[in-house]
Amino acid sequence: MFYYAQICGMKKYLVVLLLCMGCKKSTDTPVNPPCDTDPSYSTQVKSIFISNCTASGCHDGVDLPSLGDYTVARDAAQQIRDAVSRGIMPKNATLTAADKAAILCWIDNGAKNN
């Protein structure tokens, strides 16, 4: 009887082990959207900043300099990168994964005015 119980118990562990072996993340789908090799401030990033970051009390040009201005955004690029990466910016909204990727790619590729 004891031997039978051991075999049955081992079968249960084997089934669980086999099921779990198929429970790994697929590496076929990237976690983050791919980075554009030449992201554009004027056509991609500026509109994200204006839509999400220029509200009253934020980067509206009154309380904080406006991120709708290229020079301001470029000069604050590393602070923006840190805040976007940590999810603390924008403070009253949530960026989509594509918007985050566009901002981070723009900064990582030199924060050019193109």
N, C-alpha and C. Protein backbone atom coordinates (compact mmCIF):
# COMPACT_ATOMS: atom_id res chain seq x y z
N MET A 1 0.83 -1.20 0.00
CA MET A 1 0.00 0.00 0.00
C MET A 1 0.87 1.26 0.00
N PHE A 2 1.93 1.26 0.82
CA PHE A 2 2.82 2.42 0.92
C PHE A 2 3.50 2.66 -0.43
N TYR A 3 3.95 1.59 -1.08
CA TYR A 3 4.61 1.68 -2.37
C TYR A 3 3.67 2.28 -3.42
N TYR A 4 2.40 1.88 -3.42
CA TYR A 4 1.38 2.39 -4.34
C TYR A 4 1.18 3.89 -4.12
N ALA A 5 1.13 4.32 -2.87
CA ALA A 5 0.94 5.74 -2.55
C ALA A 5 2.12 6.56 -3.05
N GLN A 6 3.33 6.01 -2.94
CA GLN A 6 4.50 6.73 -3.41
C GLN A 6 4.45 6.89 -4.94
N ILE A 7 4.07 5.86 -5.62
CA ILE A 7 3.98 5.93 -7.09
C ILE A 7 2.91 6.92 -7.51
N CYS A 8 1.76 6.88 -6.87
CA CYS A 8 0.69 7.83 -7.21
C CYS A 8 1.13 9.26 -6.94
N GLY A 9 1.80 9.48 -5.83
CA GLY A 9 2.30 10.82 -5.50
C GLY A 9 3.31 11.30 -6.52
N MET A 10 4.18 10.39 -6.96
CA MET A 10 5.19 10.75 -7.96
C MET A 10 4.53 11.07 -9.30
N LYS A 11 3.47 10.37 -9.63
CA LYS A 11 2.76 10.65 -10.87
C LYS A 11 2.18 12.06 -10.85
N LYS A 12 1.64 12.45 -9.69
CA LYS A 12 1.08 13.80 -9.57
C LYS A 12 2.16 14.85 -9.77
N TYR A 13 3.33 14.64 -9.17
CA TYR A 13 4.42 15.59 -9.33
C TYR A 13 4.91 15.63 -10.77
N LEU A 14 4.94 14.47 -11.42
CA LEU A 14 5.36 14.40 -12.80
C LEU A 14 4.40 15.18 -13.71
N VAL A 15 3.10 15.02 -13.48
CA VAL A 15 2.10 15.74 -14.27
C VAL A 15 2.26 17.24 -14.05
N VAL A 16 2.42 17.67 -12.80
CA VAL A 16 2.60 19.10 -12.50
C VAL A 16 3.87 19.61 -13.16
N LEU A 17 4.95 18.85 -13.07
CA LEU A 17 6.21 19.24 -13.67
C LEU A 17 6.07 19.40 -15.18
N LEU A 18 5.43 18.45 -15.83
CA LEU A 18 5.24 18.53 -17.27
C LEU A 18 4.38 19.71 -17.68
N LEU A 19 3.35 19.99 -16.90
CA LEU A 19 2.50 21.14 -17.20
C LEU A 19 3.27 22.43 -17.05
N CYS A 20 4.07 22.53 -16.02
CA CYS A 20 4.82 23.76 -15.77
C CYS A 20 5.92 24.00 -16.79
N MET A 21 6.43 22.94 -17.38
CA MET A 21 7.47 23.10 -18.39
C MET A 21 6.94 23.86 -19.59
N GLY A 22 5.66 23.78 -19.85
CA GLY A 22 5.06 24.51 -20.97
C GLY A 22 4.61 25.90 -20.59
N CYS A 23 4.88 26.33 -19.36
CA CYS A 23 4.39 27.61 -18.87
C CYS A 23 5.49 28.66 -18.85
N LYS A 24 6.25 28.78 -19.90
CA LYS A 24 7.28 29.80 -19.93
C LYS A 24 6.86 30.91 -20.88
N LYS A 25 7.44 32.11 -20.65
CA LYS A 25 7.14 33.23 -21.52
C LYS A 25 7.71 32.99 -22.90
N SER A 26 6.96 33.41 -23.87
CA SER A 26 7.43 33.31 -25.24
C SER A 26 8.43 34.42 -25.50
N THR A 27 9.52 34.12 -26.14
CA THR A 27 10.49 35.14 -26.49
C THR A 27 10.24 35.69 -27.88
N ASP A 28 9.18 35.22 -28.52
CA ASP A 28 8.87 35.68 -29.87
C ASP A 28 8.27 37.09 -29.88
N THR A 29 7.55 37.46 -28.81
CA THR A 29 6.89 38.74 -28.76
C THR A 29 7.67 39.68 -27.86
N PRO A 30 8.14 40.83 -28.38
CA PRO A 30 8.89 41.75 -27.53
C PRO A 30 8.00 42.35 -26.45
N VAL A 31 8.59 42.56 -25.27
CA VAL A 31 7.85 43.15 -24.16
C VAL A 31 7.58 44.63 -24.46
N ASN A 32 8.57 45.31 -24.99
CA ASN A 32 8.43 46.72 -25.34
C ASN A 32 8.36 46.86 -26.85
N PRO A 33 7.63 47.85 -27.32
CA PRO A 33 7.60 48.06 -28.76
C PRO A 33 9.00 48.37 -29.27
N PRO A 34 9.30 48.04 -30.51
CA PRO A 34 10.64 48.31 -31.04
C PRO A 34 10.91 49.81 -31.10
N CYS A 35 12.16 50.15 -30.97
CA CYS A 35 12.57 51.55 -30.97
C CYS A 35 12.78 52.04 -32.40
N ASP A 36 12.18 53.16 -32.72
CA ASP A 36 12.39 53.81 -34.01
C ASP A 36 13.83 54.30 -34.04
N THR A 37 14.55 54.03 -35.11
CA THR A 37 15.96 54.41 -35.17
C THR A 37 16.17 55.90 -35.39
N ASP A 38 15.16 56.61 -35.82
CA ASP A 38 15.27 58.06 -36.01
C ASP A 38 13.98 58.72 -35.53
N PRO A 39 13.73 58.67 -34.23
CA PRO A 39 12.48 59.25 -33.71
C PRO A 39 12.46 60.76 -33.92
N SER A 40 11.28 61.27 -34.12
CA SER A 40 11.12 62.69 -34.43
C SER A 40 10.43 63.42 -33.29
N TYR A 41 11.06 64.51 -32.84
CA TYR A 41 10.44 65.34 -31.82
C TYR A 41 9.19 66.00 -32.39
N SER A 42 9.31 66.58 -33.56
CA SER A 42 8.21 67.37 -34.10
C SER A 42 6.99 66.54 -34.49
N THR A 43 7.19 65.31 -34.99
CA THR A 43 6.03 64.53 -35.43
C THR A 43 5.58 63.46 -34.44
N GLN A 44 6.42 63.08 -33.47
CA GLN A 44 6.04 62.04 -32.52
C GLN A 44 5.98 62.54 -31.08
N VAL A 45 7.10 63.03 -30.61
CA VAL A 45 7.26 63.31 -29.18
C VAL A 45 6.52 64.57 -28.74
N LYS A 46 6.59 65.61 -29.52
CA LYS A 46 5.95 66.88 -29.14
C LYS A 46 4.45 66.70 -28.91
N SER A 47 3.79 65.96 -29.78
CA SER A 47 2.34 65.76 -29.61
C SER A 47 2.02 64.95 -28.34
N ILE A 48 2.90 64.02 -27.98
CA ILE A 48 2.70 63.26 -26.74
C ILE A 48 2.82 64.19 -25.55
N PHE A 49 3.85 65.05 -25.57
CA PHE A 49 4.03 66.01 -24.47
C PHE A 49 2.84 66.96 -24.38
N ILE A 50 2.40 67.47 -25.51
CA ILE A 50 1.28 68.42 -25.48
C ILE A 50 0.00 67.74 -24.98
N SER A 51 -0.25 66.53 -25.40
CA SER A 51 -1.46 65.82 -24.98
C SER A 51 -1.45 65.40 -23.52
N ASN A 52 -0.28 65.10 -22.98
CA ASN A 52 -0.22 64.52 -21.65
C ASN A 52 0.49 65.34 -20.58
N CYS A 53 1.29 66.33 -20.99
CA CYS A 53 2.17 66.98 -20.02
C CYS A 53 1.99 68.49 -19.91
N THR A 54 1.15 69.09 -20.72
CA THR A 54 1.05 70.55 -20.69
C THR A 54 -0.22 71.05 -20.00
N ALA A 55 -0.79 70.21 -19.16
CA ALA A 55 -2.00 70.61 -18.42
C ALA A 55 -1.64 71.64 -17.35
N SER A 56 -2.63 72.34 -16.89
CA SER A 56 -2.42 73.33 -15.83
C SER A 56 -1.81 72.66 -14.61
N GLY A 57 -0.78 73.28 -14.06
CA GLY A 57 -0.12 72.74 -12.88
C GLY A 57 1.00 71.77 -13.22
N CYS A 58 1.21 71.55 -14.49
CA CYS A 58 2.27 70.63 -14.92
C CYS A 58 3.22 71.43 -15.81
N HIS A 59 3.64 70.88 -16.93
CA HIS A 59 4.56 71.56 -17.85
C HIS A 59 3.77 72.47 -18.79
N ASP A 60 3.08 73.43 -18.20
CA ASP A 60 2.20 74.32 -18.95
C ASP A 60 2.85 75.64 -19.34
N GLY A 61 4.12 75.84 -18.98
CA GLY A 61 4.79 77.09 -19.27
C GLY A 61 4.59 78.12 -18.17
N VAL A 62 3.75 77.81 -17.18
CA VAL A 62 3.53 78.70 -16.05
C VAL A 62 4.19 78.11 -14.81
N ASP A 63 3.70 76.95 -14.39
CA ASP A 63 4.26 76.28 -13.21
C ASP A 63 5.62 75.65 -13.52
N LEU A 64 5.72 75.01 -14.64
CA LEU A 64 6.96 74.40 -15.11
C LEU A 64 7.11 74.75 -16.59
N PRO A 65 8.35 74.82 -17.08
CA PRO A 65 8.53 75.12 -18.50
C PRO A 65 7.78 74.12 -19.38
N SER A 66 7.28 74.58 -20.50
CA SER A 66 6.47 73.75 -21.40
C SER A 66 7.34 72.76 -22.18
N LEU A 67 6.95 71.49 -22.12
CA LEU A 67 7.65 70.48 -22.90
C LEU A 67 7.24 70.52 -24.37
N GLY A 68 6.32 71.41 -24.70
CA GLY A 68 5.97 71.64 -26.09
C GLY A 68 7.04 72.48 -26.78
N ASP A 69 8.00 72.97 -26.02
CA ASP A 69 9.13 73.73 -26.54
C ASP A 69 10.33 72.78 -26.65
N TYR A 70 10.87 72.64 -27.84
CA TYR A 70 11.95 71.68 -28.06
C TYR A 70 13.14 71.89 -27.13
N THR A 71 13.60 73.13 -26.99
CA THR A 71 14.79 73.41 -26.18
C THR A 71 14.58 72.98 -24.73
N VAL A 72 13.41 73.24 -24.19
CA VAL A 72 13.08 72.84 -22.82
C VAL A 72 13.11 71.32 -22.71
N ALA A 73 12.47 70.65 -23.65
CA ALA A 73 12.42 69.18 -23.62
C ALA A 73 13.81 68.58 -23.77
N ARG A 74 14.61 69.12 -24.69
CA ARG A 74 15.97 68.60 -24.88
C ARG A 74 16.82 68.78 -23.62
N ASP A 75 16.73 69.97 -23.02
CA ASP A 75 17.54 70.24 -21.83
C ASP A 75 17.13 69.39 -20.63
N ALA A 76 15.88 68.94 -20.62
CA ALA A 76 15.38 68.11 -19.51
C ALA A 76 15.31 66.63 -19.88
N ALA A 77 15.94 66.25 -20.98
CA ALA A 77 15.79 64.90 -21.52
C ALA A 77 16.10 63.80 -20.51
N GLN A 78 17.18 63.91 -19.77
CA GLN A 78 17.53 62.84 -18.83
C GLN A 78 16.54 62.77 -17.66
N GLN A 79 16.06 63.91 -17.20
CA GLN A 79 15.03 63.91 -16.14
C GLN A 79 13.73 63.33 -16.66
N ILE A 80 13.38 63.66 -17.89
CA ILE A 80 12.18 63.11 -18.52
C ILE A 80 12.32 61.61 -18.66
N ARG A 81 13.49 61.16 -19.12
CA ARG A 81 13.72 59.72 -19.28
C ARG A 81 13.52 58.99 -17.96
N ASP A 82 14.10 59.52 -16.91
CA ASP A 82 13.98 58.89 -15.59
C ASP A 82 12.53 58.85 -15.14
N ALA A 83 11.82 59.97 -15.28
CA ALA A 83 10.43 60.04 -14.82
C ALA A 83 9.50 59.15 -15.64
N VAL A 84 9.69 59.10 -16.94
CA VAL A 84 8.86 58.26 -17.81
C VAL A 84 9.16 56.78 -17.52
N SER A 85 10.43 56.44 -17.39
CA SER A 85 10.81 55.05 -17.11
C SER A 85 10.25 54.56 -15.79
N ARG A 86 10.23 55.42 -14.78
CA ARG A 86 9.72 55.04 -13.47
C ARG A 86 8.20 55.15 -13.37
N GLY A 87 7.55 55.69 -14.39
CA GLY A 87 6.10 55.78 -14.41
C GLY A 87 5.54 56.92 -13.57
N ILE A 88 6.37 57.90 -13.24
CA ILE A 88 5.88 59.03 -12.44
C ILE A 88 5.54 60.24 -13.30
N MET A 89 5.75 60.12 -14.59
CA MET A 89 5.40 61.19 -15.51
C MET A 89 4.68 60.56 -16.68
N PRO A 90 3.60 61.13 -17.07
CA PRO A 90 2.93 62.33 -16.56
C PRO A 90 2.22 62.05 -15.23
N LYS A 91 2.12 63.08 -14.43
CA LYS A 91 1.60 62.86 -13.07
C LYS A 91 0.10 62.61 -13.01
N ASN A 92 -0.67 63.08 -13.95
CA ASN A 92 -2.12 62.88 -13.90
C ASN A 92 -2.65 62.07 -15.08
N ALA A 93 -1.77 61.28 -15.69
CA ALA A 93 -2.17 60.48 -16.85
C ALA A 93 -1.28 59.25 -16.93
N THR A 94 -1.60 58.38 -17.86
CA THR A 94 -0.79 57.19 -18.11
C THR A 94 -0.46 57.15 -19.58
N LEU A 95 0.81 56.97 -19.88
CA LEU A 95 1.24 56.87 -21.26
C LEU A 95 1.05 55.44 -21.76
N THR A 96 0.74 55.32 -23.03
CA THR A 96 0.69 53.99 -23.63
C THR A 96 2.12 53.49 -23.78
N ALA A 97 2.27 52.20 -23.99
CA ALA A 97 3.60 51.63 -24.20
C ALA A 97 4.26 52.25 -25.43
N ALA A 98 3.48 52.51 -26.46
CA ALA A 98 4.02 53.12 -27.68
C ALA A 98 4.49 54.55 -27.42
N ASP A 99 3.73 55.32 -26.62
CA ASP A 99 4.14 56.68 -26.29
C ASP A 99 5.42 56.69 -25.45
N LYS A 100 5.49 55.79 -24.47
CA LYS A 100 6.71 55.68 -23.65
C LYS A 100 7.90 55.34 -24.54
N ALA A 101 7.70 54.36 -25.43
CA ALA A 101 8.79 53.95 -26.32
C ALA A 101 9.24 55.11 -27.20
N ALA A 102 8.29 55.88 -27.71
CA ALA A 102 8.65 57.01 -28.58
C ALA A 102 9.49 58.03 -27.82
N ILE A 103 9.09 58.36 -26.60
CA ILE A 103 9.85 59.33 -25.79
C ILE A 103 11.23 58.78 -25.47
N LEU A 104 11.30 57.55 -24.97
CA LEU A 104 12.58 56.97 -24.58
C LEU A 104 13.50 56.79 -25.78
N CYS A 105 12.96 56.39 -26.92
CA CYS A 105 13.76 56.24 -28.14
C CYS A 105 14.30 57.59 -28.59
N TRP A 106 13.46 58.60 -28.53
CA TRP A 106 13.89 59.94 -28.92
C TRP A 106 15.06 60.39 -28.05
N ILE A 107 14.95 60.20 -26.75
CA ILE A 107 16.03 60.60 -25.83
C ILE A 107 17.27 59.75 -26.07
N ASP A 108 17.08 58.43 -26.16
CA ASP A 108 18.22 57.52 -26.34
C ASP A 108 18.95 57.72 -27.67
N ASN A 109 18.28 58.34 -28.63
CA ASN A 109 18.90 58.61 -29.94
C ASN A 109 19.36 60.06 -30.07
N GLY A 110 19.57 60.72 -28.95
CA GLY A 110 20.17 62.06 -28.97
C GLY A 110 19.23 63.21 -28.83
N ALA A 111 17.94 62.98 -28.62
CA ALA A 111 16.94 64.05 -28.43
C ALA A 111 17.07 65.13 -29.51
N LYS A 112 17.10 64.69 -30.75
CA LYS A 112 17.30 65.61 -31.87
C LYS A 112 16.03 66.38 -32.21
N ASN A 113 16.23 67.57 -32.76
CA ASN A 113 15.12 68.40 -33.24
C ASN A 113 14.92 68.11 -34.72
N ASN A 114 14.15 67.07 -35.01
CA ASN A 114 13.94 66.68 -36.40
C ASN A 114 12.46 66.58 -36.70
